[in-house]
PDB file of N, CA and C in Angstrom:
ATOM      1  N   MET A   1     -50.446  -2.397  35.153  1.00  0.00           N
ATOM      2  CA  MET A   1     -51.168  -1.189  35.138  1.00  0.00           C
ATOM      3  C   MET A   1     -52.612  -1.625  36.194  1.00  0.00           C
ATOM      4  N   ASN A   2     -53.367  -0.153  36.593  1.00  0.00           N
ATOM      5  CA  ASN A   2     -54.139  -0.076  37.090  1.00  0.00           C
ATOM      6  C   ASN A   2     -55.658  -0.268  36.234  1.00  0.00           C
ATOM      7  N   PRO A   3     -55.994  -0.879  38.121  1.00  0.00           N
ATOM      8  CA  PRO A   3     -57.249  -2.309  37.846  1.00  0.00           C
ATOM      9  C   PRO A   3     -57.803  -1.353  37.559  1.00  0.00           C
ATOM     10  N   TYR A   4     -57.961  -0.610  37.249  1.00  0.00           N
ATOM     11  CA  TYR A   4     -59.524   0.251  36.805  1.00  0.00           C
ATOM     12  C   TYR A   4     -59.728   1.062  35.406  1.00  0.00           C
ATOM     13  N   VAL A   5     -58.560   1.579  35.325  1.00  0.00           N
ATOM     14  CA  VAL A   5     -58.886   1.698  33.844  1.00  0.00           C
ATOM     15  C   VAL A   5     -59.100   0.084  33.017  1.00  0.00           C
ATOM     16  N   LEU A   6     -58.762  -1.136  33.741  1.00  0.00           N
ATOM     17  CA  LEU A   6     -58.939  -2.258  33.134  1.00  0.00           C
ATOM     18  C   LEU A   6     -59.635  -2.588  33.274  1.00  0.00           C
ATOM     19  N   LEU A   7     -60.589  -2.015  34.358  1.00  0.00           N
ATOM     20  CA  LEU A   7     -62.357  -3.089  34.334  1.00  0.00           C
ATOM     21  C   LEU A   7     -62.775  -1.937  33.286  1.00  0.00           C
ATOM     22  N   ALA A   8     -63.211  -0.633  33.415  1.00  0.00           N
ATOM     23  CA  ALA A   8     -63.733   0.766  32.338  1.00  0.00           C
ATOM     24  C   ALA A   8     -63.220   0.201  31.361  1.00  0.00           C
ATOM     25  N   ALA A   9     -61.835  -0.456  30.788  1.00  0.00           N
ATOM     26  CA  ALA A   9     -62.092  -1.370  29.119  1.00  0.00           C
ATOM     27  C   ALA A   9     -62.751  -2.322  29.261  1.00  0.00           C
ATOM     28  N   ALA A  10     -62.467  -3.494  29.954  1.00  0.00           N
ATOM     29  CA  ALA A  10     -63.483  -3.911  29.904  1.00  0.00           C
ATOM     30  C   ALA A  10     -64.902  -4.349  30.224  1.00  0.00           C
ATOM     31  N   ILE A  11     -65.522  -3.095  30.536  1.00  0.00           N
ATOM     32  CA  ILE A  11     -66.415  -2.614  30.940  1.00  0.00           C
ATOM     33  C   ILE A  11     -67.148  -2.680  29.257  1.00  0.00           C
ATOM     34  N   VAL A  12     -66.589  -1.694  29.101  1.00  0.00           N
ATOM     35  CA  VAL A  12     -66.731  -1.151  27.543  1.00  0.00           C
ATOM     36  C   VAL A  12     -66.563  -2.482  25.625  1.00  0.00           C
ATOM     37  N   SER A  13     -65.481  -3.282  26.557  1.00  0.00           N
ATOM     38  CA  SER A  13     -65.959  -4.170  25.934  1.00  0.00           C
ATOM     39  C   SER A  13     -66.531  -4.550  25.820  1.00  0.00           C
ATOM     40  N   GLU A  14     -67.718  -5.606  27.219  1.00  0.00           N
ATOM     41  CA  GLU A  14     -68.278  -6.661  27.202  1.00  0.00           C
ATOM     42  C   GLU A  14     -69.537  -5.761  26.483  1.00  0.00           C
ATOM     43  N   VAL A  15     -69.242  -4.112  27.069  1.00  0.00           N
ATOM     44  CA  VAL A  15     -70.601  -3.163  25.957  1.00  0.00           C
ATOM     45  C   VAL A  15     -70.883  -2.662  24.256  1.00  0.00           C
ATOM     46  N   ILE A  16     -69.416  -2.980  23.908  1.00  0.00           N
ATOM     47  CA  ILE A  16     -69.509  -2.608  22.490  1.00  0.00           C
ATOM     48  C   ILE A  16     -70.072  -4.468  21.679  1.00  0.00           C
ATOM     49  N   GLY A  17     -69.635  -5.646  22.662  1.00  0.00           N
ATOM     50  CA  GLY A  17     -69.655  -7.079  21.899  1.00  0.00           C
ATOM     51  C   GLY A  17     -71.661  -7.512  22.421  1.00  0.00           C
ATOM     52  N   THR A  18     -72.500  -6.460  23.777  1.00  0.00           N
ATOM     53  CA  THR A  18     -73.596  -6.767  23.486  1.00  0.00           C
ATOM     54  C   THR A  18     -74.205  -5.668  22.279  1.00  0.00           C
ATOM     55  N   THR A  19     -74.156  -4.771  21.905  1.00  0.00           N
ATOM     56  CA  THR A  19     -74.846  -3.752  20.810  1.00  0.00           C
ATOM     57  C   THR A  19     -74.604  -4.406  20.089  1.00  0.00           C
ATOM     58  N   ALA A  20     -73.423  -5.233  19.303  1.00  0.00           N
ATOM     59  CA  ALA A  20     -73.718  -6.132  18.065  1.00  0.00           C
ATOM     60  C   ALA A  20     -74.315  -7.206  18.742  1.00  0.00           C
ATOM     61  N   LEU A  21     -74.760  -8.002  19.665  1.00  0.00           N
ATOM     62  CA  LEU A  21     -74.967  -8.747  19.421  1.00  0.00           C
ATOM     63  C   LEU A  21     -76.300  -8.453  18.756  1.00  0.00           C
ATOM     64  N   GLN A  22     -77.223  -7.506  19.485  1.00  0.00           N
ATOM     65  CA  GLN A  22     -78.109  -5.916  18.079  1.00  0.00           C
ATOM     66  C   GLN A  22     -78.482  -6.451  16.887  1.00  0.00           C
ATOM     67  N   TYR A  23     -77.385  -6.393  16.591  1.00  0.00           N
ATOM     68  CA  TYR A  23     -76.791  -6.795  15.144  1.00  0.00           C
ATOM     69  C   TYR A  23     -76.520  -8.094  14.311  1.00  0.00           C
ATOM     70  N   ALA A  24     -76.309  -8.544  15.225  1.00  0.00           N
ATOM     71  CA  ALA A  24     -75.670  -9.952  14.955  1.00  0.00           C
ATOM     72  C   ALA A  24     -77.049 -11.126  13.555  1.00  0.00           C
ATOM     73  N   ASP A  25     -78.444 -10.809  14.073  1.00  0.00           N
ATOM     74  CA  ASP A  25     -78.975 -11.700  13.485  1.00  0.00           C
ATOM     75  C   ASP A  25     -78.847 -12.522  13.801  1.00  0.00           C
ATOM     76  N   GLY A  26     -78.682 -13.624  14.775  1.00  0.00           N
ATOM     77  CA  GLY A  26     -78.492 -15.239  15.263  1.00  0.00           C
ATOM     78  C   GLY A  26     -77.358 -15.668  14.877  1.00  0.00           C
ATOM     79  N   PHE A  27     -75.740 -14.992  14.696  1.00  0.00           N
ATOM     80  CA  PHE A  27     -74.786 -15.552  14.451  1.00  0.00           C
ATOM     81  C   PHE A  27     -74.800 -15.078  12.698  1.00  0.00           C
ATOM     82  N   SER A  28     -75.982 -14.394  11.606  1.00  0.00           N
ATOM     83  CA  SER A  28     -75.861 -14.591  10.781  1.00  0.00           C
ATOM     84  C   SER A  28     -75.272 -13.574   9.745  1.00  0.00           C
ATOM     85  N   ASN A  29     -75.317 -12.239  10.427  1.00  0.00           N
ATOM     86  CA  ASN A  29     -74.800 -11.227   9.720  1.00  0.00           C
ATOM     87  C   ASN A  29     -72.964 -11.443  10.427  1.00  0.00           C
ATOM     88  N   LEU A  30     -72.124 -11.391   9.692  1.00  0.00           N
ATOM     89  CA  LEU A  30     -70.486 -11.527  10.140  1.00  0.00           C
ATOM     90  C   LEU A  30     -70.230 -10.176  10.407  1.00  0.00           C
ATOM     91  N   LEU A  31     -70.082  -9.818  10.371  1.00  0.00           N
ATOM     92  CA  LEU A  31     -69.180  -8.497  11.346  1.00  0.00           C
ATOM     93  C   LEU A  31     -69.817  -8.155  12.207  1.00  0.00           C
ATOM     94  N   PRO A  32     -71.117  -7.709  13.190  1.00  0.00           N
ATOM     95  CA  PRO A  32     -71.376  -8.039  14.067  1.00  0.00           C
ATOM     96  C   PRO A  32     -71.097  -8.950  15.713  1.00  0.00           C
ATOM     97  N   THR A  33     -71.650  -9.740  14.484  1.00  0.00           N
ATOM     98  CA  THR A  33     -70.918 -11.342  15.093  1.00  0.00           C
ATOM     99  C   THR A  33     -69.651 -10.995  15.673  1.00  0.00           C
ATOM    100  N   GLY A  34     -68.915 -10.812  14.283  1.00  0.00           N
ATOM    101  CA  GLY A  34     -66.711 -10.648  15.321  1.00  0.00           C
ATOM    102  C   GLY A  34     -66.558 -10.224  15.876  1.00  0.00           C
ATOM    103  N   VAL A  35     -67.319  -8.161  16.409  1.00  0.00           N
ATOM    104  CA  VAL A  35     -67.734  -7.754  16.958  1.00  0.00           C
ATOM    105  C   VAL A  35     -68.124  -7.967  18.507  1.00  0.00           C
ATOM    106  N   LEU A  36     -68.822  -8.634  18.054  1.00  0.00           N
ATOM    107  CA  LEU A  36     -69.078  -9.260  19.448  1.00  0.00           C
ATOM    108  C   LEU A  36     -68.260 -10.076  20.538  1.00  0.00           C
ATOM    109  N   ILE A  37     -68.031 -11.264  19.175  1.00  0.00           N
ATOM    110  CA  ILE A  37     -66.734 -12.044  19.729  1.00  0.00           C
ATOM    111  C   ILE A  37     -66.047 -11.629  20.598  1.00  0.00           C
ATOM    112  N   ALA A  38     -65.033 -10.476  19.469  1.00  0.00           N
ATOM    113  CA  ALA A  38     -64.183  -9.293  19.930  1.00  0.00           C
ATOM    114  C   ALA A  38     -64.647  -8.754  21.326  1.00  0.00           C
ATOM    115  N   GLY A  39     -65.644  -8.534  20.910  1.00  0.00           N
ATOM    116  CA  GLY A  39     -65.508  -7.363  22.719  1.00  0.00           C
ATOM    117  C   GLY A  39     -66.216  -8.428  23.718  1.00  0.00           C
ATOM    118  N   TYR A  40     -66.377  -9.592  23.337  1.00  0.00           N
ATOM    119  CA  TYR A  40     -66.557 -10.180  24.732  1.00  0.00           C
ATOM    120  C   TYR A  40     -65.378 -10.900  25.039  1.00  0.00           C
ATOM    121  N   LEU A  41     -64.837 -11.644  23.919  1.00  0.00           N
ATOM    122  CA  LEU A  41     -63.384 -11.913  24.393  1.00  0.00           C
ATOM    123  C   LEU A  41     -62.496 -11.088  25.096  1.00  0.00           C
ATOM    124  N   THR A  42     -62.076 -10.096  24.624  1.00  0.00           N
ATOM    125  CA  THR A  42     -61.595  -8.756  25.019  1.00  0.00           C
ATOM    126  C   THR A  42     -61.958  -8.581  26.291  1.00  0.00           C
ATOM    127  N   SER A  43     -63.324  -8.376  27.131  1.00  0.00           N
ATOM    128  CA  SER A  43     -64.160  -7.963  28.169  1.00  0.00           C
ATOM    129  C   SER A  43     -62.874  -9.336  29.352  1.00  0.00           C
ATOM    130  N   PHE A  44     -63.554 -10.963  28.718  1.00  0.00           N
ATOM    131  CA  PHE A  44     -63.331 -11.561  30.233  1.00  0.00           C
ATOM    132  C   PHE A  44     -61.895 -11.685  30.096  1.00  0.00           C
ATOM    133  N   TYR A  45     -61.040 -11.743  29.024  1.00  0.00           N
ATOM    134  CA  TYR A  45     -59.648 -11.208  29.247  1.00  0.00           C
ATOM    135  C   TYR A  45     -58.781 -10.070  30.406  1.00  0.00           C
ATOM    136  N   LEU A  46     -59.460  -8.661  29.722  1.00  0.00           N
ATOM    137  CA  LEU A  46     -59.493  -8.002  30.333  1.00  0.00           C
ATOM    138  C   LEU A  46     -59.427  -8.235  32.407  1.00  0.00           C
ATOM    139  N   LEU A  47     -60.926  -9.189  32.325  1.00  0.00           N
ATOM    140  CA  LEU A  47     -60.802  -9.365  33.779  1.00  0.00           C
ATOM    141  C   LEU A  47     -60.477 -10.771  34.199  1.00  0.00           C
ATOM    142  N   SER A  48     -59.481 -10.846  33.797  1.00  0.00           N
ATOM    143  CA  SER A  48     -59.099 -11.631  33.852  1.00  0.00           C
ATOM    144  C   SER A  48     -57.336 -11.951  34.968  1.00  0.00           C
ATOM    145  N   LEU A  49     -57.425 -10.512  34.198  1.00  0.00           N
ATOM    146  CA  LEU A  49     -55.578  -9.667  34.494  1.00  0.00           C
ATOM    147  C   LEU A  49     -56.343  -8.657  35.689  1.00  0.00           C
ATOM    148  N   ILE A  50     -57.456  -8.304  36.143  1.00  0.00           N
ATOM    149  CA  ILE A  50     -57.663  -7.598  37.194  1.00  0.00           C
ATOM    150  C   ILE A  50     -58.171  -8.505  38.072  1.00  0.00           C
ATOM    151  N   LEU A  51     -58.397  -9.195  38.060  1.00  0.00           N
ATOM    152  CA  LEU A  51     -58.521 -10.493  39.117  1.00  0.00           C
ATOM    153  C   LEU A  51     -57.598 -10.517  39.854  1.00  0.00           C
ATOM    154  N   ASP A  52     -55.955 -10.919  39.311  1.00  0.00           N
ATOM    155  CA  ASP A  52     -54.802 -10.470  40.572  1.00  0.00           C
ATOM    156  C   ASP A  52     -54.769  -9.404  41.479  1.00  0.00           C
ATOM    157  N   GLN A  53     -55.297  -8.818  41.136  1.00  0.00           N
ATOM    158  CA  GLN A  53     -55.530  -7.404  42.102  1.00  0.00           C
ATOM    159  C   GLN A  53     -56.742  -7.409  42.960  1.00  0.00           C
ATOM    160  N   LEU A  54     -57.354  -7.297  42.375  1.00  0.00           N
ATOM    161  CA  LEU A  54     -58.972  -6.641  42.433  1.00  0.00           C
ATOM    162  C   LEU A  54     -60.006  -8.117  43.659  1.00  0.00           C
ATOM    163  N   PRO A  55     -61.203  -8.420  44.402  1.00  0.00           N
ATOM    164  CA  PRO A  55     -61.392  -9.066  44.350  1.00  0.00           C
ATOM    165  C   PRO A  55     -62.673  -9.240  43.620  1.00  0.00           C
ATOM    166  N   ILE A  56     -63.316 -10.754  43.312  1.00  0.00           N
ATOM    167  CA  ILE A  56     -64.129 -11.044  42.320  1.00  0.00           C
ATOM    168  C   ILE A  56     -65.592 -10.253  41.814  1.00  0.00           C
ATOM    169  N   GLY A  57     -65.971  -9.941  43.149  1.00  0.00           N
ATOM    170  CA  GLY A  57     -67.338  -9.365  44.364  1.00  0.00           C
ATOM    171  C   GLY A  57     -67.371  -8.582  42.882  1.00  0.00           C
ATOM    172  N   PRO A  58     -66.958  -7.339  44.090  1.00  0.00           N
ATOM    173  CA  PRO A  58     -66.976  -6.347  43.832  1.00  0.00           C
ATOM    174  C   PRO A  58     -66.420  -6.186  41.969  1.00  0.00           C
ATOM    175  N   VAL A  59     -65.854  -6.474  41.385  1.00  0.00           N
ATOM    176  CA  VAL A  59     -65.485  -6.294  40.172  1.00  0.00           C
ATOM    177  C   VAL A  59     -66.468  -7.007  39.550  1.00  0.00           C
ATOM    178  N   TYR A  60     -66.752  -7.674  39.505  1.00  0.00           N
ATOM    179  CA  TYR A  60     -68.102  -7.906  38.582  1.00  0.00           C
ATOM    180  C   TYR A  60     -69.518  -7.633  38.749  1.00  0.00           C
ATOM    181  N   ALA A  61     -69.816  -7.378  40.418  1.00  0.00           N
ATOM    182  CA  ALA A  61     -70.794  -6.617  40.341  1.00  0.00           C
ATOM    183  C   ALA A  61     -71.089  -4.979  39.894  1.00  0.00           C
ATOM    184  N   THR A  62     -69.320  -4.141  39.717  1.00  0.00           N
ATOM    185  CA  THR A  62     -70.027  -3.088  39.032  1.00  0.00           C
ATOM    186  C   THR A  62     -69.405  -3.327  37.574  1.00  0.00           C
ATOM    187  N   TRP A  63     -69.313  -4.858  37.160  1.00  0.00           N
ATOM    188  CA  TRP A  63     -69.047  -4.636  35.346  1.00  0.00           C
ATOM    189  C   TRP A  63     -70.236  -5.040  34.826  1.00  0.00           C
ATOM    190  N   SER A  64     -70.523  -6.143  35.502  1.00  0.00           N
ATOM    191  CA  SER A  64     -72.619  -5.628  35.273  1.00  0.00           C
ATOM    192  C   SER A  64     -73.125  -4.843  35.308  1.00  0.00           C
ATOM    193  N   ALA A  65     -73.465  -3.812  36.519  1.00  0.00           N
ATOM    194  CA  ALA A  65     -74.569  -2.610  37.344  1.00  0.00           C
ATOM    195  C   ALA A  65     -73.529  -1.619  35.787  1.00  0.00           C
ATOM    196  N   VAL A  66     -72.574  -1.606  35.117  1.00  0.00           N
ATOM    197  CA  VAL A  66     -71.955  -0.019  34.705  1.00  0.00           C
ATOM    198  C   VAL A  66     -73.282  -0.959  33.599  1.00  0.00           C
ATOM    199  N   ALA A  67     -72.320  -1.740  32.564  1.00  0.00           N
ATOM    200  CA  ALA A  67     -72.721  -2.654  31.580  1.00  0.00           C
ATOM    201  C   ALA A  67     -74.507  -2.412  31.341  1.00  0.00           C
ATOM    202  N   ILE A  68     -74.929  -2.702  32.659  1.00  0.00           N
ATOM    203  CA  ILE A  68     -76.473  -2.687  32.358  1.00  0.00           C
ATOM    204  C   ILE A  68     -76.777  -1.987  32.148  1.00  0.00           C
ATOM    205  N   VAL A  69     -75.979  -0.362  32.320  1.00  0.00           N
ATOM    206  CA  VAL A  69     -76.958   1.358  32.779  1.00  0.00           C
ATOM    207  C   VAL A  69     -76.411   1.426  31.592  1.00  0.00           C
ATOM    208  N   LEU A  70     -75.351   1.279  31.155  1.00  0.00           N
ATOM    209  CA  LEU A  70     -75.388   1.681  29.812  1.00  0.00           C
ATOM    210  C   LEU A  70     -75.015   1.636  28.667  1.00  0.00           C
ATOM    211  N   ILE A  71     -76.399  -0.401  28.535  1.00  0.00           N
ATOM    212  CA  ILE A  71     -76.648  -0.980  27.619  1.00  0.00           C
ATOM    213  C   ILE A  71     -77.595  -0.727  27.615  1.00  0.00           C
ATOM    214  N   THR A  72     -78.969  -0.095  28.277  1.00  0.00           N
ATOM    215  CA  THR A  72     -79.890   0.277  28.222  1.00  0.00           C
ATOM    216  C   THR A  72     -79.758   2.149  27.906  1.00  0.00           C
ATOM    217  N   ILE A  73     -79.004   2.922  28.582  1.00  0.00           N
ATOM    218  CA  ILE A  73     -78.841   4.152  28.006  1.00  0.00           C
ATOM    219  C   ILE A  73     -78.433   3.721  26.536  1.00  0.00           C
ATOM    220  N   ILE A  74     -78.285   3.355  25.716  1.00  0.00           N
ATOM    221  CA  ILE A  74     -77.784   3.090  23.890  1.00  0.00           C
ATOM    222  C   ILE A  74     -78.355   2.723  23.320  1.00  0.00           C
ATOM    223  N   GLY A  75     -79.608   1.162  24.427  1.00  0.00           N
ATOM    224  CA  GLY A  75     -81.066   1.165  23.812  1.00  0.00           C
ATOM    225  C   GLY A  75     -81.898   1.954  23.340  1.00  0.00           C
ATOM    226  N   THR A  76     -81.718   2.973  24.292  1.00  0.00           N
ATOM    227  CA  THR A  76     -82.707   3.925  25.277  1.00  0.00           C
ATOM    228  C   THR A  76     -83.016   5.063  23.390  1.00  0.00           C
ATOM    229  N   LEU A  77     -81.511   5.399  23.822  1.00  0.00           N
ATOM    230  CA  LEU A  77     -80.741   6.542  23.299  1.00  0.00           C
ATOM    231  C   LEU A  77     -80.472   6.367  21.194  1.00  0.00           C
ATOM    232  N   PHE A  78     -80.826   5.113  20.541  1.00  0.00           N
ATOM    233  CA  PHE A  78     -80.296   4.832  19.571  1.00  0.00           C
ATOM    234  C   PHE A  78     -81.065   3.313  18.867  1.00  0.00           C
ATOM    235  N   LEU A  79     -81.633   2.568  19.902  1.00  0.00           N
ATOM    236  CA  LEU A  79     -82.243   1.672  19.865  1.00  0.00           C
ATOM    237  C   LEU A  79     -83.136   0.988  19.339  1.00  0.00           C
ATOM    238  N   GLY A  80     -84.414   2.476  19.746  1.00  0.00           N
ATOM    239  CA  GLY A  80     -86.535   2.772  19.869  1.00  0.00           C
ATOM    240  C   GLY A  80     -86.674   2.231  21.060  1.00  0.00           C
ATOM    241  N   GLN A  81     -85.756   1.115  22.152  1.00  0.00           N
ATOM    242  CA  GLN A  81     -85.674   0.834  23.522  1.00  0.00           C
ATOM    243  C   GLN A  81     -86.613   1.596  24.439  1.00  0.00           C
ATOM    244  N   ARG A  82     -87.200   1.368  25.099  1.00  0.00           N
ATOM    245  CA  ARG A  82     -87.659   2.059  26.390  1.00  0.00           C
ATOM    246  C   ARG A  82     -88.098   1.726  27.358  1.00  0.00           C
ATOM    247  N   ILE A  83     -87.499   2.652  29.194  1.00  0.00           N
ATOM    248  CA  ILE A  83     -87.411   2.203  30.334  1.00  0.00           C
ATOM    249  C   ILE A  83     -88.377   2.813  30.540  1.00  0.00           C
ATOM    250  N   ASP A  84     -89.388   2.195  31.848  1.00  0.00           N
ATOM    251  CA  ASP A  84     -89.904   2.723  32.176  1.00  0.00           C
ATOM    252  C   ASP A  84     -90.161   2.840  33.874  1.00  0.00           C
ATOM    253  N   LEU A  85     -90.140   3.778  34.685  1.00  0.00           N
ATOM    254  CA  LEU A  85     -89.739   4.089  35.950  1.00  0.00           C
ATOM    255  C   LEU A  85     -89.355   2.497  37.017  1.00  0.00           C
ATOM    256  N   ALA A  86     -90.120   1.681  36.596  1.00  0.00           N
ATOM    257  CA  ALA A  86     -89.728   0.492  37.276  1.00  0.00           C
ATOM    258  C   ALA A  86     -88.743  -0.220  36.698  1.00  0.00           C
ATOM    259  N   GLY A  87     -87.994   0.412  35.465  1.00  0.00           N
ATOM    260  CA  GLY A  87     -86.456  -0.294  35.212  1.00  0.00           C
ATOM    261  C   GLY A  87     -85.397   0.508  35.815  1.00  0.00           C
ATOM    262  N   VAL A  88     -85.864   2.159  36.175  1.00  0.00           N
ATOM    263  CA  VAL A  88     -84.652   2.981  36.263  1.00  0.00           C
ATOM    264  C   VAL A  88     -84.760   2.802  37.429  1.00  0.00           C
ATOM    265  N   ILE A  89     -85.570   2.152  38.649  1.00  0.00           N
ATOM    266  CA  ILE A  89     -86.228   1.778  40.178  1.00  0.00           C
ATOM    267  C   ILE A  89     -85.061   1.119  40.297  1.00  0.00           C
ATOM    268  N   GLY A  90     -85.365   0.644  38.868  1.00  0.00           N
ATOM    269  CA  GLY A  90     -84.394  -1.489  38.778  1.00  0.00           C
ATOM    270  C   GLY A  90     -82.795  -0.870  38.473  1.00  0.00           C
ATOM    271  N   MET A  91     -82.294  -0.035  38.243  1.00  0.00           N
ATOM    272  CA  MET A  91     -81.584   0.248  37.699  1.00  0.00           C
ATOM    273  C   MET A  91     -80.513   0.946  39.197  1.00  0.00           C
ATOM    274  N   ALA A  92     -81.531   1.967  39.976  1.00  0.00           N
ATOM    275  CA  ALA A  92     -80.842   2.097  40.960  1.00  0.00           C
ATOM    276  C   ALA A  92     -80.214   1.332  42.197  1.00  0.00           C
ATOM    277  N   LEU A  93     -81.430   0.614  42.022  1.00  0.00           N
ATOM    278  CA  LEU A  93     -81.183  -0.871  43.155  1.00  0.00           C
ATOM    279  C   LEU A  93     -79.819  -1.491  42.827  1.00  0.00           C
ATOM    280  N   ILE A  94     -79.853  -2.010  41.867  1.00  0.00           N
ATOM    281  CA  ILE A  94     -78.121  -2.147  41.453  1.00  0.00           C
ATOM    282  C   ILE A  94     -77.256  -0.988  41.699  1.00  0.00           C
ATOM    283  N   ILE A  95     -77.804   0.363  41.119  1.00  0.00           N
ATOM    284  CA  ILE A  95     -75.932   0.561  41.403  1.00  0.00           C
ATOM    285  C   ILE A  95     -76.292   0.997  42.874  1.00  0.00           C
ATOM    286  N   GLY A  96     -77.063   1.514  43.399  1.00  0.00           N
ATOM    287  CA  GLY A  96     -76.985   1.594  45.170  1.00  0.00           C
ATOM    288  C   GLY A  96     -76.643   0.046  45.933  1.00  0.00           C
ATOM    289  N   GLY A  97     -76.535  -1.394  45.520  1.00  0.00           N
ATOM    290  CA  GLY A  97     -75.959  -2.374  45.286  1.00  0.00           C
ATOM    291  C   GLY A  97     -73.579  -2.147  45.407  1.00  0.00           C
ATOM    292  N   VAL A  98     -74.108  -1.675  44.134  1.00  0.00           N
ATOM    293  CA  VAL A  98     -72.603  -2.307  44.006  1.00  0.00           C
ATOM    294  C   VAL A  98     -71.674  -1.423  45.203  1.00  0.00           C
ATOM    295  N   TYR A  99     -72.828   0.000  44.702  1.00  0.00           N
ATOM    296  CA  TYR A  99     -72.150   0.875  46.077  1.00  0.00           C
ATOM    297  C   TYR A  99     -72.123   0.583  47.560  1.00  0.00           C
ATOM    298  N   LEU A 100     -72.902  -0.228  47.771  1.00  0.00           N
ATOM    299  CA  LEU A 100     -72.587  -0.808  49.190  1.00  0.00           C
ATOM    300  C   LEU A 100     -71.669  -1.608  49.068  1.00  0.00           C
ATOM    301  N   LEU A 101     -71.478  -2.477  47.816  1.00  0.00           N
ATOM    302  CA  LEU A 101     -70.291  -3.672  48.657  1.00  0.00           C
ATOM    303  C   LEU A 101     -68.915  -3.408  47.945  1.00  0.00           C
ATOM    304  N   ASN A 102     -69.254  -1.922  47.443  1.00  0.00           N
ATOM    305  CA  ASN A 102     -67.619  -1.402  46.903  1.00  0.00           C
ATOM    306  C   ASN A 102     -66.880  -0.599  47.943  1.00  0.00           C
ATOM    307  N   VAL A 103     -67.685  -0.091  48.363  1.00  0.00           N
ATOM    308  CA  VAL A 103     -67.931   1.188  49.428  1.00  0.00           C
ATOM    309  C   VAL A 103     -67.789   1.004  51.148  1.00  0.00           C
ATOM    310  N   VAL A 104     -69.270   0.515  51.538  1.00  0.00           N
ATOM    311  CA  VAL A 104     -69.253  -0.154  52.823  1.00  0.00           C
ATOM    312  C   VAL A 104     -68.651  -1.506  52.946  1.00  0.00           C
ATOM    313  N   SER A 105     -69.164  -1.999  52.523  1.00  0.00           N
ATOM    314  CA  SER A 105     -68.498  -3.854  52.919  1.00  0.00           C
ATOM    315  C   SER A 105     -67.140  -4.474  52.860  1.00  0.00           C
ATOM    316  N   ASP A 106     -66.581  -4.455  53.816  1.00  0.00           N
ATOM    317  CA  ASP A 106     -65.244  -5.390  53.958  1.00  0.00           C
ATOM    318  C   ASP A 106     -64.650  -6.522  53.347  1.00  0.00           C
ATOM    319  N   VAL A 107     -64.960  -6.310  51.974  1.00  0.00           N
ATOM    320  CA  VAL A 107     -64.002  -7.680  50.586  1.00  0.00           C
ATOM    321  C   VAL A 107     -62.906  -7.118  50.917  1.00  0.00           C
ATOM    322  N   SER A 108     -62.304  -8.809  51.150  1.00  0.00           N
ATOM    323  CA  SER A 108     -60.685  -8.274  50.972  1.00  0.00           C
ATOM    324  C   SER A 108     -60.088  -8.899  49.477  1.00  0.00           C
ATOM    325  N   VAL A 109     -58.888  -8.774  48.888  1.00  0.00           N
ATOM    326  CA  VAL A 109     -58.837  -9.273  47.987  1.00  0.00           C
ATOM    327  C   VAL A 109     -57.692 -10.491  47.973  1.00  0.00           C
ATOM    328  N   HIS A 110     -58.067 -11.638  47.780  1.00  0.00           N
ATOM    329  CA  HIS A 110     -57.885 -13.258  48.706  1.00  0.00           C
ATOM    330  C   HIS A 110     -57.422 -13.029  49.230  1.00  0.00           C
TER     331      HIS A 110
END
């Protein structure tokens, strides 16, 4: 399977797990706890499949950066969280770094 499709699925799984963490209440709320465990397990399983085809540095950087942006958007739109200009600039720097790592840098597979 296309590693970029797997990466997208891994990111979505991680975002679902992290969003469920907000509702798990210290792992005492069982349904969100189950969702977060399933999300994280799925995410790391998919990540392990990707690493046979792509180098870990750019993959992990992309996974982390996209997840950070998505979680921030979810938090802002649905969880009543706020982001200020410094947060937006910080996320832009993260995205810029991932761009440099994936497009400009010459990182090779294994």
